[in-house]
C-alpha atoms as a PDB file:
ATOM      1  CA  MET A   1       7.097  -7.644   2.192  1.00  0.00           C
ATOM      2  CA  PRO A   2      10.387  -9.602   2.133  1.00  0.00           C
ATOM      3  CA  THR A   3      10.804  -9.943   5.876  1.00  0.00           C
ATOM      4  CA  ASP A   4      12.937 -12.855   7.064  1.00  0.00           C
ATOM      5  CA  GLU A   5       9.759 -14.768   7.879  1.00  0.00           C
ATOM      6  CA  ASN A   6       8.466 -14.460   4.305  1.00  0.00           C
ATOM      7  CA  LEU A   7      11.863 -15.163   2.750  1.00  0.00           C
ATOM      8  CA  ARG A   8      11.980 -18.442   4.663  1.00  0.00           C
ATOM      9  CA  ALA A   9       8.480 -19.280   3.466  1.00  0.00           C
ATOM     10  CA  TRP A  10       9.693 -18.691  -0.098  1.00  0.00           C
ATOM     11  CA  GLY A  11      12.561 -21.165   0.353  1.00  0.00           C
ATOM     12  CA  CYS A  12      15.475 -18.912   1.366  1.00  0.00           C
ATOM     13  CA  VAL A  13      17.663 -20.389   4.096  1.00  0.00           C
ATOM     14  CA  ILE A  14      18.790 -17.459   6.274  1.00  0.00           C
ATOM     15  CA  VAL A  15      19.712 -16.687   9.850  1.00  0.00           C
ATOM     16  CA  SER A  16      17.184 -14.217  11.171  1.00  0.00           C
ATOM     17  CA  VAL A  17      17.295 -11.601  13.916  1.00  0.00           C
ATOM     18  CA  CYS A  18      15.414  -8.342  14.439  1.00  0.00           C
ATOM     19  CA  CYS A  19      17.686  -5.422  13.502  1.00  0.00           C
ATOM     20  CA  PHE A  20      16.255  -3.188  16.216  1.00  0.00           C
ATOM     21  CA  CYS A  21      16.150  -5.306  19.369  1.00  0.00           C
ATOM     22  CA  LEU A  22      18.478  -8.237  18.469  1.00  0.00           C
ATOM     23  CA  ILE A  23      16.328 -10.387  20.743  1.00  0.00           C
ATOM     24  CA  THR A  24      14.230 -12.579  18.464  1.00  0.00           C
ATOM     25  CA  ASP A  25      13.922 -13.535  14.825  1.00  0.00           C
ATOM     26  CA  GLU A  26      12.247 -11.164  12.401  1.00  0.00           C
ATOM     27  CA  THR A  27       8.568 -11.713  11.635  1.00  0.00           C
ATOM     28  CA  SER A  28       6.139  -9.219  10.172  1.00  0.00           C
ATOM     29  CA  LYS A  29       4.144  -9.035  13.401  1.00  0.00           C
ATOM     30  CA  HIS A  30       7.240  -8.547  15.548  1.00  0.00           C
ATOM     31  CA  LEU A  31       8.884  -6.002  13.245  1.00  0.00           C
ATOM     32  CA  PHE A  32       5.858  -3.730  12.793  1.00  0.00           C
ATOM     33  CA  LEU A  33       3.898  -4.283  16.014  1.00  0.00           C
ATOM     34  CA  LYS A  34       5.830  -6.006  18.818  1.00  0.00           C
ATOM     35  CA  CYS A  35       9.402  -4.761  18.601  1.00  0.00           C
ATOM     36  CA  PRO A  36      10.249  -2.153  21.290  1.00  0.00           C
ATOM     37  CA  PHE A  37      11.276   0.259  18.516  1.00  0.00           C
ATOM     38  CA  ALA A  38       7.896  -0.113  16.786  1.00  0.00           C
ATOM     39  CA  ILE A  39       5.987   0.079  20.079  1.00  0.00           C
ATOM     40  CA  SER A  40       7.741   3.347  20.933  1.00  0.00           C
ATOM     41  CA  LEU A  41       6.749   4.842  17.571  1.00  0.00           C
ATOM     42  CA  TRP A  42       3.124   3.691  17.901  1.00  0.00           C
ATOM     43  CA  ASN A  43       2.885   5.023  21.462  1.00  0.00           C
ATOM     44  CA  TRP A  44       4.348   8.363  20.338  1.00  0.00           C
ATOM     45  CA  LEU A  45       1.862   8.552  17.462  1.00  0.00           C
ATOM     46  CA  GLY A  46      -1.013   7.696  19.811  1.00  0.00           C
ATOM     47  CA  SER A  47       0.003  10.497  22.181  1.00  0.00           C
ATOM     48  CA  LYS A  48       0.102  12.986  19.292  1.00  0.00           C
ATOM     49  CA  LEU A  49      -3.304  11.833  18.024  1.00  0.00           C
ATOM     50  CA  ASP A  50      -4.726  11.673  21.577  1.00  0.00           C
ATOM     51  CA  CYS A  51      -5.857   8.084  21.196  1.00  0.00           C
ATOM     52  CA  THR A  52      -4.817   4.545  22.053  1.00  0.00           C
ATOM     53  CA  ILE A  53      -3.572   2.552  19.066  1.00  0.00           C
ATOM     54  CA  ASP A  54      -4.447  -1.138  19.095  1.00  0.00           C
ATOM     55  CA  LYS A  55      -1.262  -2.966  18.090  1.00  0.00           C
ATOM     56  CA  SER A  56      -2.685  -6.488  18.151  1.00  0.00           C
ATOM     57  CA  SER A  57      -2.783  -6.690  14.328  1.00  0.00           C
ATOM     58  CA  VAL A  58      -2.227  -4.536  11.256  1.00  0.00           C
ATOM     59  CA  LEU A  59      -5.990  -4.261  10.647  1.00  0.00           C
ATOM     60  CA  SER A  60      -6.623  -3.221  14.242  1.00  0.00           C
ATOM     61  CA  LEU A  61      -4.384  -0.175  13.732  1.00  0.00           C
ATOM     62  CA  LEU A  62      -7.212   1.416  11.727  1.00  0.00           C
ATOM     63  CA  SER A  63      -9.623   1.148  14.667  1.00  0.00           C
ATOM     64  CA  CYS A  64      -8.091   4.295  16.188  1.00  0.00           C
ATOM     65  CA  ILE A  65      -9.577   6.434  13.406  1.00  0.00           C
ATOM     66  CA  LEU A  66     -12.466   8.415  14.846  1.00  0.00           C
ATOM     67  CA  ILE A  67     -15.844   7.654  13.285  1.00  0.00           C
ATOM     68  CA  ALA A  68     -17.194  11.184  13.688  1.00  0.00           C
ATOM     69  CA  CYS A  69     -14.299  13.400  12.657  1.00  0.00           C
ATOM     70  CA  SER A  70     -13.604  15.855   9.872  1.00  0.00           C
ATOM     71  CA  SER A  71     -12.171  14.607   6.597  1.00  0.00           C
ATOM     72  CA  GLN A  72      -8.838  16.386   7.130  1.00  0.00           C
ATOM     73  CA  VAL A  73      -8.375  14.793  10.570  1.00  0.00           C
ATOM     74  CA  SER A  74      -9.297  11.404   9.124  1.00  0.00           C
ATOM     75  CA  ASP A  75      -6.582  11.880   6.490  1.00  0.00           C
ATOM     76  CA  ILE A  76      -4.045  12.659   9.229  1.00  0.00           C
ATOM     77  CA  PHE A  77      -4.937   9.482  11.137  1.00  0.00           C
ATOM     78  CA  VAL A  78      -4.512   7.385   8.002  1.00  0.00           C
ATOM     79  CA  ALA A  79      -1.271   9.171   7.114  1.00  0.00           C
ATOM     80  CA  GLY A  80       0.088   8.557  10.607  1.00  0.00           C
ATOM     81  CA  ILE A  81      -0.515   4.818  10.374  1.00  0.00           C
ATOM     82  CA  VAL A  82       0.843   4.473   6.835  1.00  0.00           C
ATOM     83  CA  HIS A  83       3.946   6.598   7.468  1.00  0.00           C
ATOM     84  CA  THR A  84       4.738   4.759  10.708  1.00  0.00           C
ATOM     85  CA  LEU A  85       4.708   1.411   8.903  1.00  0.00           C
ATOM     86  CA  HIS A  86       6.845   2.903   6.124  1.00  0.00           C
ATOM     87  CA  ILE A  87       9.421   4.409   8.485  1.00  0.00           C
ATOM     88  CA  ILE A  88       9.786   1.138  10.399  1.00  0.00           C
ATOM     89  CA  TRP A  89      10.467  -0.634   7.110  1.00  0.00           C
ATOM     90  CA  ILE A  90      12.957   1.854   5.664  1.00  0.00           C
ATOM     91  CA  SER A  91      14.739   2.089   9.041  1.00  0.00           C
ATOM     92  CA  ARG A  92      15.087  -1.671   9.074  1.00  0.00           C
ATOM     93  CA  ASN A  93      16.502  -1.643   5.535  1.00  0.00           C
ATOM     94  CA  SER A  94      18.948   1.152   6.371  1.00  0.00           C
ATOM     95  CA  MET A  95      20.320  -0.804   9.325  1.00  0.00           C
ATOM     96  CA  ARG A  96      20.515  -4.087   7.468  1.00  0.00           C
ATOM     97  CA  PHE A  97      21.837  -3.047   4.062  1.00  0.00           C
ATOM     98  CA  SER A  98      23.684   0.220   4.750  1.00  0.00           C
ATOM     99  CA  SER A  99      24.803  -0.349   8.342  1.00  0.00           C
ATOM    100  CA  ASP A 100      23.308   3.033   9.242  1.00  0.00           C
ATOM    101  CA  THR A 101      22.543   3.971  12.823  1.00  0.00           C
ATOM    102  CA  VAL A 102      18.829   4.617  13.304  1.00  0.00           C
ATOM    103  CA  THR A 103      17.704   6.451  16.425  1.00  0.00           C
ATOM    104  CA  LEU A 104      14.203   6.665  17.819  1.00  0.00           C
ATOM    105  CA  HIS A 105      14.383  10.465  17.965  1.00  0.00           C
ATOM    106  CA  ALA A 106      15.345  10.773  14.291  1.00  0.00           C
ATOM    107  CA  SER A 107      12.524   8.411  13.320  1.00  0.00           C
ATOM    108  CA  LYS A 108      10.001  10.492  15.269  1.00  0.00           C
ATOM    109  CA  VAL A 109      11.190  13.684  13.574  1.00  0.00           C
ATOM    110  CA  ARG A 110      10.943  12.004  10.181  1.00  0.00           C
ATOM    111  CA  LEU A 111       7.467  10.664  10.985  1.00  0.00           C
ATOM    112  CA  HIS A 112       6.284  14.083  12.190  1.00  0.00           C
ATOM    113  CA  SER A 113       7.474  15.705   8.949  1.00  0.00           C
ATOM    114  CA  ALA A 114       5.805  13.054   6.783  1.00  0.00           C
ATOM    115  CA  ILE A 115       2.455  13.427   8.584  1.00  0.00           C
ATOM    116  CA  ALA A 116       2.670  17.236   8.372  1.00  0.00           C
ATOM    117  CA  MET A 117       3.270  17.041   4.623  1.00  0.00           C
ATOM    118  CA  SER A 118       0.319  14.677   4.130  1.00  0.00           C
ATOM    119  CA  GLY A 119      -1.935  16.814   6.303  1.00  0.00           C
ATOM    120  CA  ASN A 120      -1.123  19.957   4.363  1.00  0.00           C
ATOM    121  CA  LEU A 121      -1.634  18.183   1.038  1.00  0.00           C
ATOM    122  CA  SER A 122      -4.956  16.718   2.185  1.00  0.00           C
ATOM    123  CA  THR A 123      -8.025  17.755   0.217  1.00  0.00           C
ATOM    124  CA  GLY A 124     -10.144  17.175   3.321  1.00  0.00           C
ATOM    125  CA  GLU A 125     -11.739  19.901   5.410  1.00  0.00           C
ATOM    126  CA  CYS A 126     -11.740  20.576   9.123  1.00  0.00           C
ATOM    127  CA  ILE A 127     -13.816  22.188  11.855  1.00  0.00           C
ATOM    128  CA  PRO A 128     -12.633  24.721  14.499  1.00  0.00           C
ATOM    129  CA  SER A 129     -12.292  22.079  17.242  1.00  0.00           C
ATOM    130  CA  ASP A 130      -9.611  20.309  15.164  1.00  0.00           C
ATOM    131  CA  ARG A 131      -7.118  23.139  15.690  1.00  0.00           C
ATOM    132  CA  PRO A 132      -5.128  21.572  18.625  1.00  0.00           C
ATOM    133  CA  LEU A 133      -4.538  18.343  16.706  1.00  0.00           C
ATOM    134  CA  LEU A 134      -3.612  20.127  13.476  1.00  0.00           C
ATOM    135  CA  ASP A 135      -1.295  22.521  15.302  1.00  0.00           C
ATOM    136  CA  SER A 136       0.515  19.608  16.939  1.00  0.00           C
ATOM    137  CA  PHE A 137       1.573  18.439  13.465  1.00  0.00           C
ATOM    138  CA  SER A 138       2.045  21.972  12.042  1.00  0.00           C
ATOM    139  CA  VAL A 139      -0.808  21.382   9.582  1.00  0.00           C
ATOM    140  CA  SER A 140      -2.764  24.280   8.127  1.00  0.00           C
ATOM    141  CA  MET A 141      -6.510  24.211   8.664  1.00  0.00           C
ATOM    142  CA  HIS A 142      -8.576  23.602   5.546  1.00  0.00           C
ATOM    143  CA  HIS A 143     -11.882  25.227   6.411  1.00  0.00           C
ATOM    144  CA  ARG A 144     -15.131  24.325   4.749  1.00  0.00           C
ATOM    145  CA  GLN A 145     -16.268  26.855   2.192  1.00  0.00           C
ATOM    146  CA  MET A 146     -19.782  28.198   2.514  1.00  0.00           C
ATOM    147  CA  SER A 147     -20.324  27.389  -1.151  1.00  0.00           C
ATOM    148  CA  ASP A 148     -19.856  23.702  -0.295  1.00  0.00           C
ATOM    149  CA  ILE A 149     -22.824  23.713   2.101  1.00  0.00           C
ATOM    150  CA  ILE A 150     -25.955  22.891   0.111  1.00  0.00           C
ATOM    151  CA  PRO A 151     -29.415  23.990   1.317  1.00  0.00           C
ATOM    152  CA  VAL A 152     -31.928  21.210   0.651  1.00  0.00           C
ATOM    153  CA  ILE A 153     -35.566  22.311   0.394  1.00  0.00           C
ATOM    154  CA  TRP A 154     -38.542  20.027  -0.180  1.00  0.00           C
ATOM    155  CA  LYS A 155     -40.644  21.452  -3.016  1.00  0.00           C
ATOM    156  CA  VAL A 156     -44.387  21.111  -3.500  1.00  0.00           C
ATOM    157  CA  PRO A 157     -45.616  19.519  -6.748  1.00  0.00           C
ATOM    158  CA  SER A 158     -47.481  21.449  -9.407  1.00  0.00           C
ATOM    159  CA  PRO A 159     -51.185  20.552  -9.660  1.00  0.00           C
ATOM    160  CA  PRO A 160     -52.620  18.099 -10.579  1.00  0.00           C
ATOM    161  CA  TRP A 161     -49.546  16.099  -9.512  1.00  0.00           C
ATOM    162  CA  LEU A 162     -49.225  14.621  -6.039  1.00  0.00           C
ATOM    163  CA  LYS A 163     -45.829  13.971  -4.527  1.00  0.00           C
ATOM    164  CA  VAL A 164     -44.865  10.897  -2.510  1.00  0.00           C
ATOM    165  CA  ASN A 165     -41.514  10.738  -0.745  1.00  0.00           C
ATOM    166  CA  ILE A 166     -40.159   7.236  -0.173  1.00  0.00           C
ATOM    167  CA  ASP A 167     -37.351   5.831   1.960  1.00  0.00           C
ATOM    168  CA  GLY A 168     -36.119   2.441   3.106  1.00  0.00           C
ATOM    169  CA  SER A 169     -34.387   1.395   6.305  1.00  0.00           C
ATOM    170  CA  VAL A 170     -32.377  -1.664   7.304  1.00  0.00           C
ATOM    171  CA  ILE A 171     -31.299  -2.357  10.881  1.00  0.00           C
ATOM    172  CA  GLY A 172     -29.466  -5.635  11.439  1.00  0.00           C
ATOM    173  CA  ASN A 173     -30.779  -7.216   8.202  1.00  0.00           C
ATOM    174  CA  HIS A 174     -34.309  -6.209   9.254  1.00  0.00           C
ATOM    175  CA  ALA A 175     -35.857  -4.003   6.554  1.00  0.00           C
ATOM    176  CA  ALA A 176     -38.733  -1.513   6.511  1.00  0.00           C
ATOM    177  CA  CYS A 177     -39.955   1.263   4.255  1.00  0.00           C
ATOM    178  CA  GLY A 178     -42.170   4.299   4.514  1.00  0.00           C
ATOM    179  CA  GLY A 179     -43.608   7.166   2.516  1.00  0.00           C
ATOM    180  CA  LEU A 180     -46.053  10.052   2.599  1.00  0.00           C
ATOM    181  CA  PHE A 181     -48.323  11.674   0.005  1.00  0.00           C
ATOM    182  CA  ARG A 182     -48.692  15.460  -0.237  1.00  0.00           C
ATOM    183  CA  ASP A 183     -50.560  17.763  -2.609  1.00  0.00           C
ATOM    184  CA  HIS A 184     -49.602  21.062  -4.255  1.00  0.00           C
ATOM    185  CA  LEU A 185     -50.200  22.923  -0.983  1.00  0.00           C
ATOM    186  CA  GLY A 186     -47.957  20.582   0.986  1.00  0.00           C
ATOM    187  CA  SER A 187     -50.987  19.147   2.801  1.00  0.00           C
ATOM    188  CA  LEU A 188     -50.891  15.546   3.969  1.00  0.00           C
ATOM    189  CA  LEU A 189     -53.027  13.102   1.985  1.00  0.00           C
ATOM    190  CA  GLY A 190     -51.801  10.020   3.781  1.00  0.00           C
ATOM    191  CA  ALA A 191     -48.689   8.123   4.802  1.00  0.00           C
ATOM    192  CA  PHE A 192     -47.625   4.521   5.198  1.00  0.00           C
ATOM    193  CA  THR A 193     -44.992   2.390   6.851  1.00  0.00           C
ATOM    194  CA  CYS A 194     -44.279  -1.269   6.209  1.00  0.00           C
ATOM    195  CA  ASN A 195     -42.289  -3.991   7.941  1.00  0.00           C
ATOM    196  CA  LEU A 196     -40.453  -6.105   5.340  1.00  0.00           C
ATOM    197  CA  ASP A 197     -38.656  -8.579   7.647  1.00  0.00           C
ATOM    198  CA  ASN A 198     -35.258  -9.680   6.276  1.00  0.00           C
ATOM    199  CA  ASP A 199     -34.181  -7.772   3.175  1.00  0.00           C
ATOM    200  CA  TYR A 200     -31.664  -5.346   1.686  1.00  0.00           C
ATOM    201  CA  VAL A 201     -31.756  -1.539   1.543  1.00  0.00           C
ATOM    202  CA  PHE A 202     -32.186  -1.527  -2.251  1.00  0.00           C
ATOM    203  CA  ASN A 203     -35.135  -3.929  -2.116  1.00  0.00           C
ATOM    204  CA  SER A 204     -36.751  -1.961   0.711  1.00  0.00           C
ATOM    205  CA  GLU A 205     -36.601   1.202  -1.419  1.00  0.00           C
ATOM    206  CA  VAL A 206     -38.140  -0.578  -4.422  1.00  0.00           C
ATOM    207  CA  MET A 207     -40.864  -2.105  -2.252  1.00  0.00           C
ATOM    208  CA  GLY A 208     -41.636   1.421  -1.037  1.00  0.00           C
ATOM    209  CA  PHE A 209     -42.181   2.436  -4.671  1.00  0.00           C
ATOM    210  CA  ILE A 210     -44.523  -0.524  -5.207  1.00  0.00           C
ATOM    211  CA  ILE A 211     -46.598   0.170  -2.090  1.00  0.00           C
ATOM    212  CA  ALA A 212     -46.837   3.873  -3.022  1.00  0.00           C
ATOM    213  CA  LEU A 213     -48.111   2.995  -6.506  1.00  0.00           C
ATOM    214  CA  GLU A 214     -50.665   0.578  -5.030  1.00  0.00           C
ATOM    215  CA  PHE A 215     -52.007   3.163  -2.567  1.00  0.00           C
ATOM    216  CA  ALA A 216     -52.149   5.782  -5.320  1.00  0.00           C
ATOM    217  CA  ALA A 217     -54.235   3.473  -7.512  1.00  0.00           C
ATOM    218  CA  GLN A 218     -56.568   2.616  -4.633  1.00  0.00           C
ATOM    219  CA  ASN A 219     -57.212   6.315  -3.934  1.00  0.00           C
ATOM    220  CA  GLY A 220     -57.602   7.314  -7.569  1.00  0.00           C
ATOM    221  CA  TRP A 221     -54.438   9.431  -7.626  1.00  0.00           C
ATOM    222  CA  ASN A 222     -53.395   8.936 -11.215  1.00  0.00           C
ATOM    223  CA  ARG A 223     -50.564  11.469 -11.463  1.00  0.00           C
ATOM    224  CA  LEU A 224     -47.791  10.719  -9.039  1.00  0.00           C
ATOM    225  CA  TRP A 225     -44.434  12.417  -8.528  1.00  0.00           C
ATOM    226  CA  LEU A 226     -42.291   9.869  -6.753  1.00  0.00           C
ATOM    227  CA  GLU A 227     -39.205  11.153  -4.895  1.00  0.00           C
ATOM    228  CA  SER A 228     -36.416   9.227  -3.132  1.00  0.00           C
ATOM    229  CA  ASP A 229     -32.901   9.803  -1.819  1.00  0.00           C
ATOM    230  CA  SER A 230     -31.679   6.570  -3.441  1.00  0.00           C
ATOM    231  CA  THR A 231     -30.334   7.163  -6.951  1.00  0.00           C
ATOM    232  CA  SER A 232     -29.740   3.438  -7.455  1.00  0.00           C
ATOM    233  CA  ALA A 233     -33.322   2.516  -6.558  1.00  0.00           C
ATOM    234  CA  LEU A 234     -34.719   5.182  -8.890  1.00  0.00           C
ATOM    235  CA  MET A 235     -32.960   3.445 -11.782  1.00  0.00           C
ATOM    236  CA  VAL A 236     -35.604   0.684 -11.714  1.00  0.00           C
ATOM    237  CA  PHE A 237     -37.961   3.005 -13.608  1.00  0.00           C
ATOM    238  CA  ASN A 238     -35.622   2.761 -16.597  1.00  0.00           C
ATOM    239  CA  ASN A 239     -34.388  -0.800 -16.119  1.00  0.00           C
ATOM    240  CA  ILE A 240     -36.877  -3.385 -14.850  1.00  0.00           C
ATOM    241  CA  SER A 241     -34.132  -6.032 -14.644  1.00  0.00           C
ATOM    242  CA  LEU A 242     -32.877  -4.301 -11.489  1.00  0.00           C
ATOM    243  CA  VAL A 243     -36.067  -5.329  -9.672  1.00  0.00           C
ATOM    244  CA  SER A 244     -35.618  -8.524  -7.661  1.00  0.00           C
ATOM    245  CA  ILE A 245     -37.214 -11.526  -9.334  1.00  0.00           C
ATOM    246  CA  LEU A 246     -39.266 -12.087  -6.179  1.00  0.00           C
ATOM    247  CA  MET A 247     -40.843  -8.639  -6.558  1.00  0.00           C
ATOM    248  CA  ARG A 248     -41.019  -8.564 -10.355  1.00  0.00           C
ATOM    249  CA  ASN A 249     -44.675  -9.635 -10.676  1.00  0.00           C
ATOM    250  CA  ARG A 250     -45.898  -7.192  -8.027  1.00  0.00           C
ATOM    251  CA  TRP A 251     -43.839  -4.410  -9.635  1.00  0.00           C
ATOM    252  CA  HIS A 252     -45.369  -5.188 -13.037  1.00  0.00           C
ATOM    253  CA  ASN A 253     -48.908  -5.086 -11.611  1.00  0.00           C
ATOM    254  CA  ALA A 254     -48.280  -1.807  -9.758  1.00  0.00           C
ATOM    255  CA  ARG A 255     -46.878  -0.143 -12.888  1.00  0.00           C
ATOM    256  CA  HIS A 256     -49.938  -1.078 -14.947  1.00  0.00           C
ATOM    257  CA  ARG A 257     -52.698   0.292 -12.735  1.00  0.00           C
ATOM    258  CA  GLY A 258     -53.168   3.528 -14.651  1.00  0.00           C
ATOM    259  CA  VAL A 259     -50.926   5.735 -12.508  1.00  0.00           C
ATOM    260  CA  GLN A 260     -48.755   8.157 -14.467  1.00  0.00           C
ATOM    261  CA  VAL A 261     -45.375   8.460 -12.716  1.00  0.00           C
ATOM    262  CA  ILE A 262     -42.467  10.863 -12.778  1.00  0.00           C
ATOM    263  CA  SER A 263     -39.524  10.322 -10.446  1.00  0.00           C
ATOM    264  CA  SER A 264     -36.772  12.487  -9.011  1.00  0.00           C
ATOM    265  CA  HIS A 265     -33.906  12.378  -6.527  1.00  0.00           C
ATOM    266  CA  ILE A 266     -33.659  14.438  -3.352  1.00  0.00           C
ATOM    267  CA  PHE A 267     -30.784  14.489  -0.876  1.00  0.00           C
ATOM    268  CA  ARG A 268     -31.502  12.585   2.332  1.00  0.00           C
ATOM    269  CA  GLU A 269     -31.553  15.880   4.272  1.00  0.00           C
ATOM    270  CA  GLY A 270     -34.745  16.769   2.385  1.00  0.00           C
ATOM    271  CA  ASN A 271     -36.294  13.331   2.846  1.00  0.00           C
ATOM    272  CA  CYS A 272     -36.505  13.348   6.634  1.00  0.00           C
ATOM    273  CA  CYS A 273     -40.244  12.583   6.877  1.00  0.00           C
ATOM    274  CA  ALA A 274     -39.977   9.442   4.767  1.00  0.00           C
ATOM    275  CA  ASP A 275     -36.830   8.401   6.624  1.00  0.00           C
ATOM    276  CA  LYS A 276     -38.592   8.557   9.990  1.00  0.00           C
ATOM    277  CA  LEU A 277     -41.626   6.703   8.659  1.00  0.00           C
ATOM    278  CA  ALA A 278     -39.316   3.942   7.395  1.00  0.00           C
ATOM    279  CA  THR A 279     -37.705   3.723  10.848  1.00  0.00           C
ATOM    280  CA  ILE A 280     -41.146   3.429  12.476  1.00  0.00           C
ATOM    281  CA  GLY A 281     -41.764   0.453  10.173  1.00  0.00           C
ATOM    282  CA  HIS A 282     -39.411  -1.697  12.256  1.00  0.00           C
ATOM    283  CA  ALA A 283     -41.900  -1.558  15.149  1.00  0.00           C
ATOM    284  CA  VAL A 284     -45.084  -2.466  13.224  1.00  0.00           C
ATOM    285  CA  HIS A 285     -46.485  -5.585  11.599  1.00  0.00           C
ATOM    286  CA  ASP A 286     -47.187  -5.699   7.877  1.00  0.00           C
ATOM    287  CA  THR A 287     -48.315  -2.346   6.363  1.00  0.00           C
ATOM    288  CA  VAL A 288     -49.856   0.546   8.307  1.00  0.00           C
ATOM    289  CA  TRP A 289     -51.670   3.512   6.704  1.00  0.00           C
ATOM    290  CA  PHE A 290     -51.763   6.864   8.526  1.00  0.00           C
ATOM    291  CA  THR A 291     -54.284   9.658   8.009  1.00  0.00           C
ATOM    292  CA  LEU A 292     -52.531  11.596  10.802  1.00  0.00           C
ATOM    293  CA  LEU A 293     -48.765  11.628  11.014  1.00  0.00           C
ATOM    294  CA  PRO A 294     -46.983  10.029  13.990  1.00  0.00           C
ATOM    295  CA  HIS A 295     -45.688  12.584  16.478  1.00  0.00           C
ATOM    296  CA  ASP A 296     -42.020  11.919  15.561  1.00  0.00           C
ATOM    297  CA  VAL A 297     -42.627  13.090  11.988  1.00  0.00           C
ATOM    298  CA  THR A 298     -44.687  16.253  12.545  1.00  0.00           C
ATOM    299  CA  SER A 299     -41.822  18.719  13.103  1.00  0.00           C
ATOM    300  CA  ASP A 300     -40.077  17.726   9.849  1.00  0.00           C
ATOM    301  CA  PHE A 301     -43.417  17.772   8.022  1.00  0.00           C
ATOM    302  CA  PHE A 302     -44.098  21.405   9.002  1.00  0.00           C
ATOM    303  CA  ARG A 303     -40.513  22.423   8.161  1.00  0.00           C
ATOM    304  CA  ASP A 304     -41.083  21.057   4.666  1.00  0.00           C
ATOM    305  CA  ARG A 305     -44.475  22.703   4.343  1.00  0.00           C
ATOM    306  CA  VAL A 306     -43.231  26.214   5.174  1.00  0.00           C
ATOM    307  CA  GLY A 307     -40.115  25.798   3.004  1.00  0.00           C
ATOM    308  CA  LEU A 308     -37.437  25.759   5.716  1.00  0.00           C
ATOM    309  CA  PRO A 309     -34.171  24.291   4.411  1.00  0.00           C
ATOM    310  CA  ASN A 310     -32.056  21.492   5.812  1.00  0.00           C
ATOM    311  CA  TYR A 311     -28.348  21.691   5.061  1.00  0.00           C
ATOM    312  CA  ARG A 312     -26.075  19.162   3.403  1.00  0.00           C
ATOM    313  CA  PHE A 313     -22.454  19.459   4.519  1.00  0.00           C
ATOM    314  CA  PRO A 314     -19.490  18.183   2.482  1.00  0.00           C
END
């Protein structure tokens, strides 16, 4: 933006002063974050959003956005920050180039109207507890539609196929994977978890595929339905170049051990057993095979077996 600070950097020789406070020269940080006029607007916005806005830098402004909030509320937080920056800038230009008088009250009214318009135009959705915040900006609630909530049900394979659900996990660059084999009755045939040390999520998913194929070959299971919640990892069955060069030889060997494979995607809500096995992998060494499921996995296993759905929310 062509603040006095930037104009000077571009070679313009000008006398600079902040239009709002007339105390110091105009810099981007002072104008948008440190000027008493800007501070008053940010504090007002924080009181409306019921949060404390970090004004130490432009990037830190975004830290006030709640991590676990509805999409419509998230849109209002973003709109509040963007419109506040915009109103500070246009108010500055009005004072400098049109000699207009800009009051803090008028700027707050203008900011409130801009946020209300953005909130009402938002395509996001809210939950009942968002009502006080939305009402404070005169924003209509956009409720989730029941049709948007997707039931996710794990399905048994048709005989003679066996199904193995795979998942990968990465915590602090530390990767693991896990999976479990089930037959057409939903009965457990075995499960595994593996510690992969330092790796990426994609590679941990692919390594889960490899280990599943190796266990299937060892047990004589030659028809395998492989299921994962990672659409990108499943693409390796059609494009071998996606497999890391370090795993390419092991992948090739696993794919040529006489196991016929079909693959499919399932939402993560239906892949809970494999997800928990992958998480357990962070606490083990190398690869562990289970004939009985760990206690943490049993409740999800029986939900899958009796066909109880999990729900995927928008």
